[in-house]
């Protein structure tokens, strides 16, 4: 049975970030910064409530007679209780014979074009641990993108305005960045397991390292770009954020309305249509929050029973990163044009270049992951190298007709007078050649 290390990491980041947020808010209160104190508490408590809600919803505690557990969730101690329960199950597993064992069938990764199906017995303890791991993974994603990401942006913005980085604030920002990166990593792993649910998936350490570096560069550069832009154009940051957020929030709903399908019924049997709509709205809200800062790794499909689009759409991935790169470049350009005296001792061109290169490094690690480290790369219908080759051929095809069409246009633009002059010149040249030939013959005679 696999050691529940992911549960420990999730709990540590959750507790450490919450404690750091409470301490930092107390320092803002003592300094008289009521606005910073309120915002810090808001971004700390809101994800805590959503994490408790998600843990209760996944474990279906409302349908059970567990008042103590519900009380601890209300007191924001739910993750600690869940972690204790996880390790109690883990250390007591195998001591008592399982009264009920389920059998799961998973396919192995193809080898030499063949894929074998393997049966595995799953006991009640292992099934409960799987549910807990899944719940903590989803809680980590909620904590990361609805709490840690806004919190990191806020604290970095305060550092820029006050031109000071305190020890407590720096520790808090490091914890927030680690929480966001870990949440994005869990999002990648969840996406892989959902898309390839029929296969036995084993993620290697090299894949974890690639995802960690990819997400670290992507999220860090994105947060810095947003902070720099908001520090010089405070009013315009709101339209940028709202356009990004609502575009990703309404995109799955637009696809759902175009399909004219009914709402999925497998979310929870006890939910009505209103409850299902609320749950789906919360899901799209989280989806928009993730895409604000990084690629979500999953595409919502609300008319599907799994709510996830399992197709590998490379064009959507490429479009996201191309648009995001140009957006970051535009925001940095605006910051460079309107920067204030706060950045007097900052080499602005070098900082812009570093941030753009940092985002390109994130894309490079992403390409390395999908090309070499993805655990299901053998199942891809096409890989990254083939996609890049197709893009290269496309650009060559676009550039080639331009040169040929330009020569045709030049030929068409030639006037009739020029054509007549060319004909007369060629006629005179031929007559002169005939005259020279006649003169040479008579001289020889």
Protein backbone atom coordinates (compact mmCIF):
# COMPACT_ATOMS: atom_id res chain seq x y z
CA UNK A 1 0.00 0.00 0.00
CA UNK A 2 1.40 3.37 -1.03
CA UNK A 3 2.49 5.75 1.73
CA UNK A 4 0.15 8.81 1.84
CA UNK A 5 2.91 11.40 1.46
CA UNK A 6 0.76 13.72 -0.64
CA UNK A 7 -1.65 14.08 2.30
CA UNK A 8 1.21 15.20 4.56
CA UNK A 9 2.45 17.76 2.02
CA UNK A 10 -1.04 19.17 1.53
CA UNK A 11 -1.63 19.44 5.28
CA UNK A 12 1.75 21.08 5.91
CA UNK A 13 1.21 23.75 3.25
CA UNK A 14 -2.36 24.37 4.42
CA UNK A 15 -1.43 24.81 8.10
CA UNK A 16 1.82 26.73 7.47
CA UNK A 17 0.21 29.19 5.08
CA UNK A 18 -2.79 29.78 7.33
CA UNK A 19 -0.60 30.41 10.40
CA UNK A 20 1.69 32.74 8.40
CA UNK A 21 -1.34 34.66 7.06
CA UNK A 22 -2.76 35.15 10.56
CA UNK A 23 0.60 36.36 11.89
CA UNK A 24 1.12 38.73 8.98
CA UNK A 25 -2.37 40.17 9.36
CA UNK A 26 -1.60 40.87 13.03
CA UNK A 27 1.52 42.82 12.00
CA UNK A 28 -0.58 44.87 9.55
CA UNK A 29 -3.05 45.57 12.32
CA UNK A 30 -0.31 46.77 14.68
CA UNK A 31 1.06 48.99 11.88
CA UNK A 32 -2.39 50.48 11.23
CA UNK A 33 -2.78 49.04 7.71
CA UNK A 34 -6.41 48.00 7.94
CA UNK A 35 -6.82 47.45 4.19
CA UNK A 36 -3.86 45.07 3.93
CA UNK A 37 -5.04 43.27 7.06
CA UNK A 38 -8.55 42.76 5.68
CA UNK A 39 -7.36 41.53 2.30
CA UNK A 40 -4.81 39.16 3.86
CA UNK A 41 -7.51 37.65 6.10
CA UNK A 42 -9.94 37.40 3.19
CA UNK A 43 -7.53 35.48 0.96
CA UNK A 44 -6.64 33.23 3.90
CA UNK A 45 -10.12 32.40 5.20
CA UNK A 46 -12.03 32.09 1.91
CA UNK A 47 -10.03 29.08 0.62
CA UNK A 48 -10.17 27.53 4.11
CA UNK A 49 -13.97 27.51 3.97
CA UNK A 50 -13.96 26.10 0.43
CA UNK A 51 -11.47 23.39 1.44
CA UNK A 52 -13.73 22.30 4.32
CA UNK A 53 -16.72 22.28 1.96
CA UNK A 54 -14.91 20.15 -0.63
CA UNK A 55 -13.73 17.60 1.97
CA UNK A 56 -17.24 17.27 3.39
CA UNK A 57 -18.77 17.01 -0.09
CA UNK A 58 -16.33 14.36 -1.40
CA UNK A 59 -16.67 12.18 1.73
CA UNK A 60 -20.48 12.69 1.82
CA UNK A 61 -20.42 13.54 5.53
CA UNK A 62 -23.78 15.28 5.32
CA UNK A 63 -25.49 11.95 4.64
CA UNK A 64 -23.81 10.27 7.63
CA UNK A 65 -24.26 10.56 11.36
CA UNK A 66 -20.89 12.19 12.11
CA UNK A 67 -21.60 15.35 14.14
CA UNK A 68 -18.09 15.55 15.62
CA UNK A 69 -16.44 15.55 12.21
CA UNK A 70 -18.83 18.22 10.95
CA UNK A 71 -18.13 20.34 14.03
CA UNK A 72 -14.37 20.12 13.44
CA UNK A 73 -14.88 21.15 9.84
CA UNK A 74 -16.85 24.18 11.00
CA UNK A 75 -13.91 25.02 13.31
CA UNK A 76 -11.58 24.82 10.24
CA UNK A 77 -9.84 21.72 11.63
CA UNK A 78 -11.14 19.32 8.99
CA UNK A 79 -7.81 18.69 7.18
CA UNK A 80 -6.07 17.80 10.46
CA UNK A 81 -8.82 15.29 11.37
CA UNK A 82 -8.71 13.82 7.87
CA UNK A 83 -4.92 13.43 8.06
CA UNK A 84 -5.19 11.61 11.41
CA UNK A 85 -7.82 9.33 9.92
CA UNK A 86 -5.63 8.62 6.88
CA UNK A 87 -2.66 7.49 8.95
CA UNK A 88 -4.88 5.49 11.29
CA UNK A 89 -6.17 3.57 8.26
CA UNK A 90 -2.67 3.21 6.81
CA UNK A 91 -1.01 1.79 9.93
CA UNK A 92 -3.92 -0.54 10.77
CA UNK A 93 -4.26 -1.88 7.23
CA UNK A 94 -3.41 -5.60 6.91
CA UNK A 95 -3.82 -6.41 10.59
CA UNK A 96 -7.41 -7.49 10.13
CA UNK A 97 -8.64 -9.52 7.19
CA UNK A 98 -10.76 -7.50 4.78
CA UNK A 99 -14.41 -8.62 4.85
CA UNK A 100 -14.98 -7.19 1.37
CA UNK A 101 -12.51 -6.95 -1.50
CA UNK A 102 -13.25 -5.39 -4.89
CA UNK A 103 -11.43 -6.27 -8.10
CA UNK A 104 -10.26 -3.55 -10.49
CA UNK A 105 -8.98 -4.03 -14.01
CA UNK A 106 -6.25 -1.77 -15.33
CA UNK A 107 -4.36 -1.94 -18.58
CA UNK A 108 -0.59 -1.79 -18.64
CA UNK A 109 1.28 0.69 -20.79
CA UNK A 110 1.72 -0.70 -24.33
CA UNK A 111 4.96 -2.58 -24.98
CA UNK A 112 5.83 -3.55 -28.54
CA UNK A 113 2.31 -2.60 -29.55
CA UNK A 114 0.62 -4.87 -26.99
CA UNK A 115 -1.23 -3.86 -23.82
CA UNK A 116 -2.19 -6.41 -21.17
CA UNK A 117 -5.07 -6.08 -18.75
CA UNK A 118 -4.20 -6.82 -15.12
CA UNK A 119 -6.64 -7.54 -12.32
CA UNK A 120 -5.93 -6.18 -8.85
CA UNK A 121 -7.68 -6.74 -5.54
CA UNK A 122 -8.52 -3.53 -3.69
CA UNK A 123 -9.55 -3.76 -0.04
CA UNK A 124 -11.66 -1.34 1.92
CA UNK A 125 -8.63 0.30 3.53
CA UNK A 126 -6.94 0.97 0.21
CA UNK A 127 -10.21 2.29 -1.22
CA UNK A 128 -10.61 4.71 1.69
CA UNK A 129 -7.01 5.89 1.29
CA UNK A 130 -7.62 6.50 -2.41
CA UNK A 131 -10.67 8.64 -1.56
CA UNK A 132 -8.66 10.64 0.99
CA UNK A 133 -5.79 11.22 -1.46
CA UNK A 134 -8.24 12.39 -4.11
CA UNK A 135 -9.96 14.72 -1.63
CA UNK A 136 -6.66 16.25 -0.46
CA UNK A 137 -5.51 16.69 -4.07
CA UNK A 138 -8.62 18.66 -4.91
CA UNK A 139 -8.31 20.64 -1.69
CA UNK A 140 -4.72 21.53 -2.61
CA UNK A 141 -5.86 22.87 -5.99
CA UNK A 142 -8.56 24.99 -4.30
CA UNK A 143 -6.13 26.28 -1.70
CA UNK A 144 -3.54 27.11 -4.35
CA UNK A 145 -5.56 29.07 -6.90
CA UNK A 146 -8.31 30.62 -4.80
CA UNK A 147 -6.10 31.55 -1.87
CA UNK A 148 -2.36 31.28 -2.41
CA UNK A 149 -2.26 32.87 -5.86
CA UNK A 150 -4.20 36.04 -4.89
CA UNK A 151 -2.28 36.12 -1.61
CA UNK A 152 1.11 36.00 -3.32
CA UNK A 153 0.06 38.74 -5.75
CA UNK A 154 -1.16 40.92 -2.89
CA UNK A 155 1.96 40.53 -0.74
CA UNK A 156 4.31 41.18 -3.66
CA UNK A 157 2.27 44.28 -4.53
CA UNK A 158 2.64 45.52 -0.94
CA UNK A 159 6.39 44.94 -1.12
CA UNK A 160 6.62 47.05 -4.29
CA UNK A 161 4.58 49.91 -2.84
CA UNK A 162 6.40 49.97 0.50
CA UNK A 163 9.79 49.19 -1.11
CA UNK A 164 10.49 46.79 1.72
CA UNK A 165 10.58 43.00 2.10
CA UNK A 166 10.30 41.85 5.69
CA UNK A 167 11.30 38.39 6.90
CA UNK A 168 7.74 37.33 7.73
CA UNK A 169 6.43 38.54 4.39
CA UNK A 170 9.18 36.79 2.44
CA UNK A 171 8.54 33.49 4.25
CA UNK A 172 4.83 33.86 3.58
CA UNK A 173 5.41 34.52 -0.13
CA UNK A 174 7.69 31.47 -0.43
CA UNK A 175 5.02 29.31 1.21
CA UNK A 176 2.37 30.73 -1.12
CA UNK A 177 4.50 30.07 -4.19
CA UNK A 178 5.17 26.50 -3.08
CA UNK A 179 1.46 26.01 -2.47
CA UNK A 180 0.58 27.27 -5.96
CA UNK A 181 3.23 25.13 -7.65
CA UNK A 182 2.14 22.07 -5.68
CA UNK A 183 -1.51 22.73 -6.56
CA UNK A 184 -0.61 23.01 -10.25
CA UNK A 185 1.40 19.78 -9.98
CA UNK A 186 -1.56 17.97 -8.42
CA UNK A 187 -3.75 19.39 -11.18
CA UNK A 188 -1.45 17.86 -13.80
CA UNK A 189 -1.46 14.47 -12.08
CA UNK A 190 -5.25 14.55 -11.68
CA UNK A 191 -5.67 15.40 -15.35
CA UNK A 192 -3.47 12.46 -16.38
CA UNK A 193 -5.31 10.00 -14.13
CA UNK A 194 -8.73 11.18 -15.30
CA UNK A 195 -7.86 11.09 -19.00
CA UNK A 196 -6.19 7.68 -18.81
CA UNK A 197 -8.34 6.06 -16.13
CA UNK A 198 -8.23 2.65 -17.85
CA UNK A 199 -4.44 2.39 -17.53
CA UNK A 200 -2.13 1.69 -14.63
CA UNK A 201 -0.16 4.94 -14.41
CA UNK A 202 3.20 5.35 -12.71
CA UNK A 203 4.66 8.86 -12.57
CA UNK A 204 8.46 8.92 -12.38
CA UNK A 205 10.55 11.43 -10.36
CA UNK A 206 11.82 13.05 -13.59
CA UNK A 207 8.22 13.88 -14.50
CA UNK A 208 7.61 15.47 -11.09
CA UNK A 209 10.79 17.53 -11.46
CA UNK A 210 9.82 18.69 -14.96
CA UNK A 211 6.33 19.72 -13.83
CA UNK A 212 7.74 21.51 -10.77
CA UNK A 213 10.19 23.57 -12.86
CA UNK A 214 7.61 24.22 -15.57
CA UNK A 215 5.01 25.48 -13.10
CA UNK A 216 7.51 27.44 -10.99
CA UNK A 217 8.74 29.56 -13.91
CA UNK A 218 5.26 29.96 -15.37
CA UNK A 219 3.53 31.06 -12.16
CA UNK A 220 6.37 33.23 -10.84
CA UNK A 221 6.68 35.22 -14.09
CA UNK A 222 2.90 35.60 -14.37
CA UNK A 223 2.54 36.96 -10.82
CA UNK A 224 5.44 39.38 -11.25
CA UNK A 225 4.02 40.68 -14.54
CA UNK A 226 0.60 41.31 -12.96
CA UNK A 227 2.17 43.06 -9.97
CA UNK A 228 4.38 45.30 -12.12
CA UNK A 229 1.45 46.32 -14.32
CA UNK A 230 -0.87 46.97 -11.37
CA UNK A 231 1.76 49.09 -9.59
CA UNK A 232 1.74 51.72 -12.35
CA UNK A 233 -1.78 51.33 -13.80
CA UNK A 234 -3.96 50.50 -10.81
CA UNK A 235 -7.26 51.20 -12.58
CA UNK A 236 -6.51 49.15 -15.71
CA UNK A 237 -5.56 45.99 -13.83
CA UNK A 238 -9.24 45.41 -13.02
CA UNK A 239 -10.36 45.12 -16.70
CA UNK A 240 -7.40 42.83 -17.42
CA UNK A 241 -8.31 40.49 -14.55
CA UNK A 242 -12.04 40.53 -15.30
CA UNK A 243 -11.59 39.85 -19.02
CA UNK A 244 -9.26 36.93 -18.28
CA UNK A 245 -11.48 35.50 -15.58
CA UNK A 246 -14.85 35.75 -17.33
CA UNK A 247 -13.43 34.49 -20.63
CA UNK A 248 -12.37 31.23 -18.98
CA UNK A 249 -15.48 31.10 -16.77
CA UNK A 250 -18.03 31.36 -19.60
CA UNK A 251 -16.11 29.35 -22.22
CA UNK A 252 -17.20 25.89 -20.89
CA UNK A 253 -20.77 27.14 -20.48
CA UNK A 254 -20.87 28.46 -24.06
CA UNK A 255 -19.74 25.06 -25.35
CA UNK A 256 -22.37 23.42 -23.14
CA UNK A 257 -25.17 25.67 -24.41
CA UNK A 258 -24.11 25.08 -28.01
CA UNK A 259 -24.28 21.30 -27.52
CA UNK A 260 -27.89 21.61 -26.24
CA UNK A 261 -27.29 18.76 -23.79
CA UNK A 262 -28.82 18.15 -20.38
CA UNK A 263 -26.98 18.64 -17.11
CA UNK A 264 -24.93 15.62 -15.97
CA UNK A 265 -26.68 13.53 -13.34
CA UNK A 266 -23.74 11.60 -11.88
CA UNK A 267 -22.34 14.40 -9.69
CA UNK A 268 -24.53 13.61 -6.69
CA UNK A 269 -27.84 11.75 -6.73
CA UNK A 270 -29.30 13.87 -3.93
CA UNK A 271 -28.69 17.14 -5.82
CA UNK A 272 -31.42 18.86 -7.74
CA UNK A 273 -30.88 20.77 -10.97
CA UNK A 274 -30.24 23.94 -8.99
CA UNK A 275 -27.68 22.15 -6.81
CA UNK A 276 -25.98 20.64 -9.85
CA UNK A 277 -25.81 24.07 -11.48
CA UNK A 278 -24.24 25.54 -8.33
CA UNK A 279 -21.62 22.78 -8.19
CA UNK A 280 -20.79 23.23 -11.87
CA UNK A 281 -20.56 26.99 -11.38
CA UNK A 282 -18.08 26.49 -8.54
CA UNK A 283 -16.11 24.11 -10.75
CA UNK A 284 -15.93 26.63 -13.60
CA UNK A 285 -15.03 29.33 -11.05
CA UNK A 286 -12.02 27.24 -9.96
CA UNK A 287 -11.20 26.50 -13.61
CA UNK A 288 -11.11 30.24 -14.41
CA UNK A 289 -8.96 30.92 -11.33
CA UNK A 290 -6.41 28.33 -12.43
CA UNK A 291 -6.19 29.64 -16.00
CA UNK A 292 -5.64 33.16 -14.70
CA UNK A 293 -2.16 32.14 -13.55
CA UNK A 294 -1.23 29.00 -15.53
CA UNK A 295 -2.46 26.33 -17.91
CA UNK A 296 -5.09 24.22 -16.14
CA UNK A 297 -3.99 20.95 -17.85
CA UNK A 298 -7.67 19.95 -18.15
CA UNK A 299 -10.49 21.20 -20.32
CA UNK A 300 -13.99 21.19 -18.89
CA UNK A 301 -16.73 19.48 -20.86
CA UNK A 302 -19.96 20.04 -18.96
CA UNK A 303 -22.06 17.84 -21.26
CA UNK A 304 -19.85 14.82 -20.49
CA UNK A 305 -20.46 12.54 -17.51
CA UNK A 306 -16.80 12.88 -16.45
CA UNK A 307 -16.90 16.70 -16.88
CA UNK A 308 -13.46 16.48 -18.51
CA UNK A 309 -12.52 16.60 -22.19
CA UNK A 310 -10.25 13.57 -22.60
CA UNK A 311 -9.01 14.44 -26.07
CA UNK A 312 -5.43 15.71 -26.43
CA UNK A 313 -5.84 19.08 -28.13
CA UNK A 314 -2.38 20.44 -28.89
CA UNK A 315 -3.78 23.45 -30.77
CA UNK A 316 -5.63 24.67 -27.69
CA UNK A 317 -2.49 24.28 -25.60
CA UNK A 318 -0.37 26.14 -28.16
CA UNK A 319 -2.98 28.91 -28.50
CA UNK A 320 -3.06 29.42 -24.73
CA UNK A 321 0.71 29.86 -24.39
CA UNK A 322 1.07 32.04 -27.47
CA UNK A 323 -1.72 34.38 -26.35
CA UNK A 324 -0.42 34.43 -22.77
CA UNK A 325 3.11 35.26 -23.96
CA UNK A 326 1.91 38.23 -26.01
CA UNK A 327 -0.31 39.37 -23.16
CA UNK A 328 2.62 39.31 -20.73
CA UNK A 329 4.76 41.17 -23.26
CA UNK A 330 2.06 43.83 -23.69
CA UNK A 331 1.64 44.30 -19.93
CA UNK A 332 5.40 44.61 -19.51
CA UNK A 333 5.50 47.17 -22.32
CA UNK A 334 2.83 49.23 -20.57
CA UNK A 335 4.76 48.99 -17.32
CA UNK A 336 7.96 50.11 -19.06
CA UNK A 337 6.21 53.12 -20.60
CA UNK A 338 4.48 54.28 -17.39
CA UNK A 339 6.95 53.18 -14.71
CA UNK A 340 7.37 55.59 -11.78
CA UNK A 341 10.27 56.63 -9.59
CA UNK A 342 9.74 53.52 -7.49
CA UNK A 343 11.74 51.61 -10.10
CA UNK A 344 14.55 54.16 -10.26
CA UNK A 345 17.21 51.62 -9.29
CA UNK A 346 15.81 48.82 -11.45
CA UNK A 347 17.20 48.10 -14.91
CA UNK A 348 13.84 47.98 -16.67
CA UNK A 349 14.94 46.51 -20.06
CA UNK A 350 16.89 43.76 -18.32
CA UNK A 351 13.92 42.93 -16.07
CA UNK A 352 11.56 42.74 -19.06
CA UNK A 353 13.99 40.47 -20.89
CA UNK A 354 14.42 38.22 -17.83
CA UNK A 355 10.67 37.81 -17.38
CA UNK A 356 10.07 36.96 -21.03
CA UNK A 357 12.97 34.49 -21.01
CA UNK A 358 11.62 32.99 -17.78
CA UNK A 359 8.26 32.37 -19.42
CA UNK A 360 10.01 30.79 -22.42
CA UNK A 361 11.93 28.51 -20.03
CA UNK A 362 8.59 27.41 -18.55
CA UNK A 363 7.35 26.53 -22.04
CA UNK A 364 10.61 24.63 -22.68
CA UNK A 365 10.15 22.48 -19.57
CA UNK A 366 6.54 21.87 -20.60
CA UNK A 367 7.70 20.62 -24.01
CA UNK A 368 10.31 18.38 -22.36
CA UNK A 369 7.64 16.92 -20.08
CA UNK A 370 5.21 16.07 -22.88
CA UNK A 371 7.96 14.78 -25.17
CA UNK A 372 10.05 12.67 -22.77
CA UNK A 373 8.57 12.47 -19.24
CA UNK A 374 4.81 12.07 -19.66
CA UNK A 375 3.78 8.69 -18.20
CA UNK A 376 1.30 8.07 -21.04
CA UNK A 377 3.33 9.38 -23.97
CA UNK A 378 3.01 6.00 -25.73
CA UNK A 379 -0.73 6.58 -26.01
CA UNK A 380 -0.38 9.91 -27.82
CA UNK A 381 -1.62 9.94 -31.39
CA UNK A 382 0.93 12.67 -32.10
CA UNK A 383 3.77 14.05 -30.01
CA UNK A 384 5.33 17.46 -29.49
CA UNK A 385 8.08 17.05 -32.10
CA UNK A 386 5.53 16.19 -34.79
CA UNK A 387 3.46 19.20 -33.78
CA UNK A 388 6.44 21.52 -34.01
CA UNK A 389 7.28 20.07 -37.43
CA UNK A 390 3.73 20.69 -38.61
CA UNK A 391 3.92 24.30 -37.39
CA UNK A 392 7.25 24.78 -39.18
CA UNK A 393 5.81 23.40 -42.45
CA UNK A 394 2.76 25.61 -42.03
CA UNK A 395 4.86 28.76 -41.70
CA UNK A 396 6.95 27.71 -44.70
CA UNK A 397 3.75 27.14 -46.69
CA UNK A 398 2.44 30.56 -45.69
CA UNK A 399 5.67 32.30 -46.67
CA UNK A 400 6.15 30.48 -49.99
CA UNK A 401 3.04 31.67 -51.90
CA UNK A 402 3.79 35.25 -50.93
CA UNK A 403 6.96 35.35 -53.05
CA UNK A 404 5.35 33.66 -56.06
CA UNK A 405 2.28 35.86 -55.93
CA UNK A 406 4.46 38.96 -55.76
CA UNK A 407 6.23 38.01 -59.01
CA UNK A 408 2.89 37.39 -60.71
CA UNK A 409 1.63 40.76 -59.56
CA UNK A 410 4.73 42.42 -60.92
CA UNK A 411 4.13 40.78 -64.29
CA UNK A 412 0.47 41.82 -64.30
CA UNK A 413 1.32 45.38 -63.35
CA UNK A 414 3.45 45.81 -66.46
CA UNK A 415 1.75 48.36 -68.78
CA UNK A 416 0.84 47.71 -72.47
CA UNK A 417 3.26 50.44 -73.60
CA UNK A 418 6.09 48.61 -71.90
CA UNK A 419 5.06 45.44 -73.71
CA UNK A 420 5.05 47.21 -77.11
CA UNK A 421 8.47 48.73 -76.40
CA UNK A 422 9.88 45.33 -75.52
CA UNK A 423 8.52 43.86 -78.79
CA UNK A 424 9.98 46.70 -80.88
CA UNK A 425 13.36 46.33 -79.20
CA UNK A 426 13.44 42.60 -79.90
CA UNK A 427 12.44 43.23 -83.56
CA UNK A 428 15.22 45.79 -84.08
CA UNK A 429 17.74 43.44 -82.52
CA UNK A 430 16.76 40.63 -84.91
CA UNK A 431 16.94 43.00 -87.95
CA UNK A 432 20.38 44.18 -86.96
CA UNK A 433 21.58 40.59 -86.67
CA UNK A 434 20.25 39.81 -90.18
CA UNK A 435 21.95 42.92 -91.59
CA UNK A 436 25.29 41.98 -90.06
CA UNK A 437 25.01 38.48 -91.49
CA UNK A 438 24.27 39.83 -95.03
CA UNK A 439 27.22 42.22 -94.85
CA UNK A 440 29.61 39.43 -93.87
CA UNK A 441 28.47 37.22 -96.78
CA UNK A 442 28.97 39.98 -99.40
CA UNK A 443 32.40 40.81 -98.09
CA UNK A 444 33.48 37.20 -98.36
CA UNK A 445 32.25 37.07 -101.95
